[in-house]
N, C-alpha and C. Protein backbone atom coordinates (compact mmCIF):
# COMPACT_ATOMS: atom_id res chain seq x y z
N MET A 1 0.88 -1.14 0.30
CA MET A 1 -0.04 0.09 0.33
C MET A 1 0.79 1.29 0.45
N THR A 2 0.43 2.39 -0.43
CA THR A 2 1.04 3.66 -0.52
C THR A 2 0.33 4.79 0.89
N GLU A 3 1.48 5.87 0.70
CA GLU A 3 1.03 6.41 1.86
C GLU A 3 -0.44 7.57 1.40
N PRO A 4 -1.23 7.73 2.40
CA PRO A 4 -2.43 8.47 1.90
C PRO A 4 -2.12 10.20 1.70
N GLN A 5 -2.61 10.70 0.33
CA GLN A 5 -1.87 11.59 -0.33
C GLN A 5 -2.87 12.67 0.28
N TYR A 6 -2.24 14.13 0.56
CA TYR A 6 -2.99 15.00 0.89
C TYR A 6 -1.86 16.16 0.61
N THR A 7 -2.66 17.13 0.75
CA THR A 7 -2.31 18.31 -0.28
C THR A 7 -2.09 19.59 0.94
N THR A 8 -0.88 19.84 1.29
CA THR A 8 -0.26 20.93 2.29
C THR A 8 -0.67 22.50 1.65
N ARG A 9 -0.92 23.10 2.54
CA ARG A 9 -1.36 25.03 2.09
C ARG A 9 -0.12 25.35 3.59
N SER A 10 0.27 26.45 3.19
CA SER A 10 0.90 27.44 4.67
C SER A 10 -0.03 27.84 5.07
N MET A 11 0.14 27.74 6.31
CA MET A 11 -0.46 28.88 7.20
C MET A 11 -0.24 30.14 6.65
N SER A 12 -1.21 31.22 6.87
CA SER A 12 -1.32 32.23 6.14
C SER A 12 -1.58 32.90 7.68
N PRO A 13 -1.02 33.95 7.75
CA PRO A 13 -0.57 34.96 9.03
C PRO A 13 -2.58 35.25 9.30
N ALA A 14 -2.96 35.11 7.81
CA ALA A 14 -4.76 35.66 8.33
C ALA A 14 -5.65 34.47 9.09
N ARG A 15 -5.30 33.37 8.43
CA ARG A 15 -5.54 32.14 8.68
C ARG A 15 -5.34 31.91 10.05
N ARG A 16 -3.76 32.04 10.62
CA ARG A 16 -3.44 31.57 11.81
C ARG A 16 -4.34 32.63 13.04
N ALA A 17 -4.09 33.98 12.56
CA ALA A 17 -5.17 34.94 13.48
C ALA A 17 -6.65 34.07 13.35
N ARG A 18 -7.27 33.93 12.68
CA ARG A 18 -8.60 33.75 12.70
C ARG A 18 -9.06 32.20 13.60
N ILE A 19 -7.63 31.77 13.45
CA ILE A 19 -7.87 30.37 14.35
C ILE A 19 -7.90 30.51 15.67
N LEU A 20 -6.32 31.59 16.14
CA LEU A 20 -6.41 32.00 17.81
C LEU A 20 -7.58 33.05 17.89
N LYS A 21 -8.41 33.88 17.33
CA LYS A 21 -9.50 34.63 17.74
C LYS A 21 -10.67 33.87 18.04
N ARG A 22 -10.84 32.49 17.23
CA ARG A 22 -12.22 31.56 17.57
C ARG A 22 -11.60 30.74 18.44
N ASP A 23 -10.54 30.17 18.89
CA ASP A 23 -10.57 30.02 20.10
C ASP A 23 -9.88 30.58 21.46
N GLY A 24 -10.65 32.02 21.31
CA GLY A 24 -9.99 32.67 22.35
C GLY A 24 -8.82 33.50 22.80
N PHE A 25 -7.36 33.02 22.39
CA PHE A 25 -6.27 33.31 22.40
C PHE A 25 -5.85 32.42 23.48
N LYS A 26 -6.22 31.19 23.63
CA LYS A 26 -6.20 30.49 25.00
C LYS A 26 -5.41 28.87 24.17
N CYS A 27 -4.92 28.16 24.96
CA CYS A 27 -4.84 27.22 24.70
C CYS A 27 -6.31 26.18 24.90
N CYS A 28 -6.07 24.90 23.85
CA CYS A 28 -7.52 24.44 24.09
C CYS A 28 -7.61 23.53 24.88
N ARG A 29 -6.12 23.24 25.34
CA ARG A 29 -6.26 21.67 26.37
C ARG A 29 -5.64 22.07 27.81
N CYS A 30 -5.39 23.22 27.98
CA CYS A 30 -4.76 23.69 29.34
C CYS A 30 -5.67 25.12 29.49
N PRO A 31 -5.22 25.29 30.46
CA PRO A 31 -6.10 27.07 30.78
C PRO A 31 -5.18 27.86 30.61
N ASP A 32 -3.88 27.92 29.97
CA ASP A 32 -3.06 28.51 29.57
C ASP A 32 -3.40 29.80 28.69
N THR A 33 -3.25 31.31 29.20
CA THR A 33 -3.58 32.32 27.82
C THR A 33 -2.27 33.31 28.26
N PHE A 34 -1.49 32.70 28.28
CA PHE A 34 0.03 33.34 28.01
C PHE A 34 0.70 32.37 26.86
N GLY A 35 0.94 33.57 25.76
CA GLY A 35 1.64 32.96 24.56
C GLY A 35 3.10 32.00 24.63
N PRO A 36 3.65 31.66 23.60
CA PRO A 36 3.23 32.06 22.77
C PRO A 36 2.35 30.44 22.05
N PHE A 37 1.66 30.89 21.63
CA PHE A 37 0.69 29.35 21.13
C PHE A 37 0.95 29.33 19.66
N ILE A 38 0.77 28.02 19.70
CA ILE A 38 0.87 27.20 17.99
C ILE A 38 -0.68 26.96 17.41
N VAL A 39 -0.92 27.11 15.95
CA VAL A 39 -2.13 26.83 15.65
C VAL A 39 -1.80 24.93 15.15
N ASP A 40 -2.38 23.83 15.40
CA ASP A 40 -1.54 22.97 15.01
C ASP A 40 -3.10 21.58 14.69
N HIS A 41 -2.78 20.72 13.77
CA HIS A 41 -3.86 19.82 13.30
C HIS A 41 -4.51 19.00 14.70
N ILE A 42 -5.99 18.82 14.74
CA ILE A 42 -6.72 18.24 15.75
C ILE A 42 -6.22 16.97 15.54
N SER A 43 -6.77 16.43 14.09
CA SER A 43 -6.23 14.92 13.55
C SER A 43 -4.97 15.26 12.84
N PRO A 44 -3.80 14.77 12.96
CA PRO A 44 -2.89 14.88 12.29
C PRO A 44 -3.31 14.45 10.63
N LEU A 45 -2.53 15.49 10.15
CA LEU A 45 -3.06 15.79 8.55
C LEU A 45 -2.42 14.56 7.90
N TRP A 46 -1.24 13.79 8.26
CA TRP A 46 -1.06 11.99 7.60
C TRP A 46 -2.02 11.65 7.60
N ILE A 47 -2.71 11.55 9.07
CA ILE A 47 -3.89 10.40 8.72
C ILE A 47 -5.04 10.71 8.74
N SER A 48 -5.34 11.73 8.61
CA SER A 48 -6.94 12.27 7.79
C SER A 48 -6.94 12.71 6.77
N GLY A 49 -5.90 13.32 6.30
CA GLY A 49 -5.66 14.55 5.05
C GLY A 49 -6.33 15.68 5.42
N ASN A 50 -6.84 15.98 5.99
CA ASN A 50 -7.79 17.08 6.55
C ASN A 50 -7.14 18.40 7.06
N ASP A 51 -6.94 19.13 5.99
CA ASP A 51 -6.36 20.77 6.17
C ASP A 51 -7.57 21.87 6.67
N ASP A 52 -8.70 21.40 6.89
CA ASP A 52 -9.77 22.43 7.09
C ASP A 52 -9.29 23.32 8.37
N ASP A 53 -10.24 24.47 8.74
CA ASP A 53 -9.98 25.02 9.93
C ASP A 53 -10.41 24.33 11.41
N ASP A 54 -11.92 23.53 10.65
CA ASP A 54 -12.16 22.94 11.41
C ASP A 54 -11.68 21.73 12.70
N ASN A 55 -10.49 21.30 11.85
CA ASN A 55 -9.55 20.48 11.94
C ASN A 55 -8.02 21.15 13.07
N LEU A 56 -7.86 22.05 13.13
CA LEU A 56 -7.33 23.30 13.51
C LEU A 56 -7.31 23.37 15.15
N TRP A 57 -6.82 23.88 16.31
CA TRP A 57 -6.93 24.52 17.40
C TRP A 57 -5.30 24.95 17.86
N THR A 58 -5.65 25.39 18.90
CA THR A 58 -5.05 26.67 19.28
C THR A 58 -3.74 25.88 20.48
N LEU A 59 -2.92 25.65 20.45
CA LEU A 59 -2.20 24.96 21.92
C LEU A 59 -1.45 25.79 22.12
N CYS A 60 -0.73 25.31 23.36
CA CYS A 60 0.75 26.52 23.82
C CYS A 60 1.44 25.47 23.49
N GLU A 61 2.94 25.98 23.85
CA GLU A 61 4.07 25.13 23.61
C GLU A 61 4.25 23.61 24.05
N THR A 62 3.88 23.60 25.44
CA THR A 62 3.83 22.27 26.32
C THR A 62 2.89 21.65 25.68
N CYS A 63 2.00 21.97 25.31
CA CYS A 63 0.41 20.80 25.05
C CYS A 63 0.92 20.80 23.49
N ASN A 64 1.44 21.66 22.70
CA ASN A 64 1.77 20.53 21.82
C ASN A 64 2.70 20.10 21.22
N LYS A 65 4.16 20.10 22.09
CA LYS A 65 5.24 19.29 22.25
C LYS A 65 4.30 17.87 22.31
N ASN A 66 3.52 17.73 23.50
CA ASN A 66 3.14 16.46 24.02
C ASN A 66 2.08 15.66 23.20
N LYS A 67 1.40 16.85 22.46
CA LYS A 67 0.17 16.42 21.47
C LYS A 67 0.87 15.32 20.02
N THR A 68 2.30 16.62 19.79
CA THR A 68 2.95 15.66 18.37
C THR A 68 3.62 14.73 19.09
N ALA A 69 4.48 14.49 20.38
CA ALA A 69 4.85 13.21 20.43
C ALA A 69 3.87 12.05 20.24
N ASN A 70 2.82 12.13 20.45
CA ASN A 70 1.49 11.20 20.57
C ASN A 70 0.96 10.93 19.08
N ASP A 71 1.44 12.06 18.22
CA ASP A 71 0.95 11.81 16.94
C ASP A 71 1.84 11.16 15.86
N ILE A 72 3.19 11.25 16.93
CA ILE A 72 4.28 10.45 15.59
C ILE A 72 3.90 8.91 16.12
N LYS A 73 3.82 8.62 17.22
CA LYS A 73 3.36 7.63 17.57
C LYS A 73 2.02 6.73 16.66
N ALA A 74 1.32 7.88 16.86
CA ALA A 74 -0.01 7.52 16.43
C ALA A 74 0.37 7.08 14.47
N ILE A 75 1.19 7.40 13.87
CA ILE A 75 1.76 7.82 12.37
C ILE A 75 2.33 6.22 12.04
N ALA A 76 3.31 6.38 13.17
CA ALA A 76 3.72 5.31 12.77
C ALA A 76 3.06 3.80 13.34
N LYS A 77 1.76 3.95 13.98
CA LYS A 77 1.45 2.63 14.20
C LYS A 77 0.50 2.27 12.69
N SER A 78 -0.39 3.35 12.48
CA SER A 78 -0.80 3.58 11.25
C SER A 78 -0.15 2.95 9.87
N LYS A 79 1.38 3.74 10.26
CA LYS A 79 2.12 3.46 9.34
C LYS A 79 2.36 1.14 8.82
N ARG A 80 2.48 1.16 10.10
CA ARG A 80 2.65 -0.71 10.52
C ARG A 80 1.49 -1.64 10.41
N ILE A 81 0.46 -0.44 10.41
CA ILE A 81 -0.88 -1.55 10.04
C ILE A 81 -1.24 -1.47 8.53
N LEU A 82 -0.63 -0.45 7.67
CA LEU A 82 -1.10 -0.25 6.32
C LEU A 82 0.16 -1.01 5.90
N GLY A 83 1.04 -1.77 6.68
CA GLY A 83 2.24 -2.01 5.83
C GLY A 83 3.25 -1.31 5.23
N ILE A 84 3.22 -0.06 5.54
CA ILE A 84 4.12 0.74 4.86
C ILE A 84 5.43 0.39 5.25
N THR A 85 5.90 0.66 6.48
CA THR A 85 7.00 0.18 7.26
C THR A 85 7.64 -1.08 6.56
N LYS A 86 7.46 -1.82 6.43
CA LYS A 86 8.13 -3.17 5.95
C LYS A 86 8.93 -3.74 7.40
N ASN A 87 8.70 -3.25 8.78
CA ASN A 87 8.90 -3.56 9.56
C ASN A 87 8.57 -5.21 10.27
N GLY A 88 7.66 -5.83 9.77
CA GLY A 88 6.51 -6.73 10.09
C GLY A 88 8.09 -8.04 10.08
N PRO A 89 7.22 -9.45 11.03
CA PRO A 89 8.39 -10.39 10.80
C PRO A 89 8.76 -10.70 9.32
N LYS A 90 9.96 -11.41 9.05
CA LYS A 90 10.26 -11.99 7.80
C LYS A 90 9.23 -12.96 7.47
N ARG A 91 9.08 -13.89 8.74
CA ARG A 91 8.40 -15.38 8.02
C ARG A 91 7.24 -15.21 9.84
N LYS A 92 5.99 -16.48 9.15
CA LYS A 92 5.18 -16.36 10.13
C LYS A 92 6.02 -16.78 11.67
N ILE A 93 5.82 -16.57 12.73
CA ILE A 93 6.49 -17.43 14.23
C ILE A 93 5.77 -18.51 14.43
N PRO A 94 6.35 -19.39 14.29
CA PRO A 94 5.68 -20.93 14.13
C PRO A 94 5.06 -21.21 15.90
N SER A 95 4.14 -21.65 16.11
CA SER A 95 3.60 -21.95 17.22
C SER A 95 4.46 -23.12 17.64
N ARG A 96 4.41 -23.69 19.03
CA ARG A 96 5.24 -24.38 19.53
C ARG A 96 4.51 -25.70 19.32
N GLY A 97 3.26 -25.92 18.86
CA GLY A 97 3.20 -27.09 18.10
C GLY A 97 2.29 -28.31 19.48
N PHE A 98 1.39 -29.23 19.05
CA PHE A 98 1.20 -29.88 20.02
C PHE A 98 0.92 -31.29 19.69
N ASP A 99 1.24 -32.34 19.81
CA ASP A 99 0.37 -33.65 19.54
C ASP A 99 -0.82 -33.78 19.13
N THR A 100 -1.48 -33.91 17.92
CA THR A 100 -2.66 -34.02 17.52
C THR A 100 -3.66 -35.73 18.04
N ARG A 101 -2.19 -36.34 18.11
CA ARG A 101 -2.86 -38.14 18.44
C ARG A 101 -3.09 -38.57 19.69
N PHE A 102 -3.82 -37.31 20.45
CA PHE A 102 -4.34 -37.81 21.87
C PHE A 102 -5.38 -36.62 22.21
N LYS A 103 -5.91 -36.94 22.50
CA LYS A 103 -7.54 -36.15 22.87
C LYS A 103 -7.29 -36.18 24.18
N LYS A 104 -8.06 -34.87 25.00
CA LYS A 104 -8.58 -34.66 26.70
C LYS A 104 -9.99 -35.28 26.63
N LYS A 105 -10.28 -35.95 27.58
CA LYS A 105 -12.06 -36.14 27.79
C LYS A 105 -12.41 -35.19 28.91
N LEU A 106 -13.83 -34.65 28.83
CA LEU A 106 -14.22 -34.08 29.69
C LEU A 106 -13.85 -34.27 31.04
N ASN A 107 -13.84 -36.02 31.35
CA ASN A 107 -13.66 -35.91 32.45
C ASN A 107 -12.07 -35.89 33.32
N GLY A 108 -11.31 -35.74 31.90
CA GLY A 108 -9.80 -35.19 32.41
C GLY A 108 -8.72 -36.18 32.11
N ASN A 109 -9.35 -37.57 31.42
CA ASN A 109 -8.34 -38.71 31.04
C ASN A 109 -7.99 -38.07 29.74
N VAL A 110 -7.23 -38.63 29.06
CA VAL A 110 -6.38 -38.58 28.05
C VAL A 110 -6.11 -39.72 27.30
N VAL A 111 -6.51 -39.82 26.04
CA VAL A 111 -6.67 -41.18 25.22
C VAL A 111 -5.92 -40.98 24.14
N LEU A 112 -5.48 -41.74 24.03
CA LEU A 112 -5.06 -41.86 22.34
C LEU A 112 -6.26 -42.21 21.06
N VAL A 113 -6.33 -41.18 20.11
CA VAL A 113 -7.14 -41.51 19.41
C VAL A 113 -6.80 -42.25 17.90
N GLY A 114 -7.64 -42.92 17.24
CA GLY A 114 -7.21 -43.53 16.48
C GLY A 114 -6.18 -44.80 16.43
């Protein structure tokens, strides 16, 4: 499979100001009202591909740092699930196996089948 396709557009100062004003010039995750603030995607752009204003929110530097760390984990997991990383096992891991000649009855006795 291939990576999801999305288009990026740079954050214009007017768009950033619009998002900051919408969010009341404060962090959406914590009660911090002092800057600097970062306008970031709620759902990572790599996963959702959504670059609309509805997918943007205002975060303080600390919250953005924590969210970005979680986003990196989520993106790596989605790449593993999609098979993009090719980091899976080279071959199927064999089970320990068991002898199919024996059968355990409900009363607990083990008997030889056939």
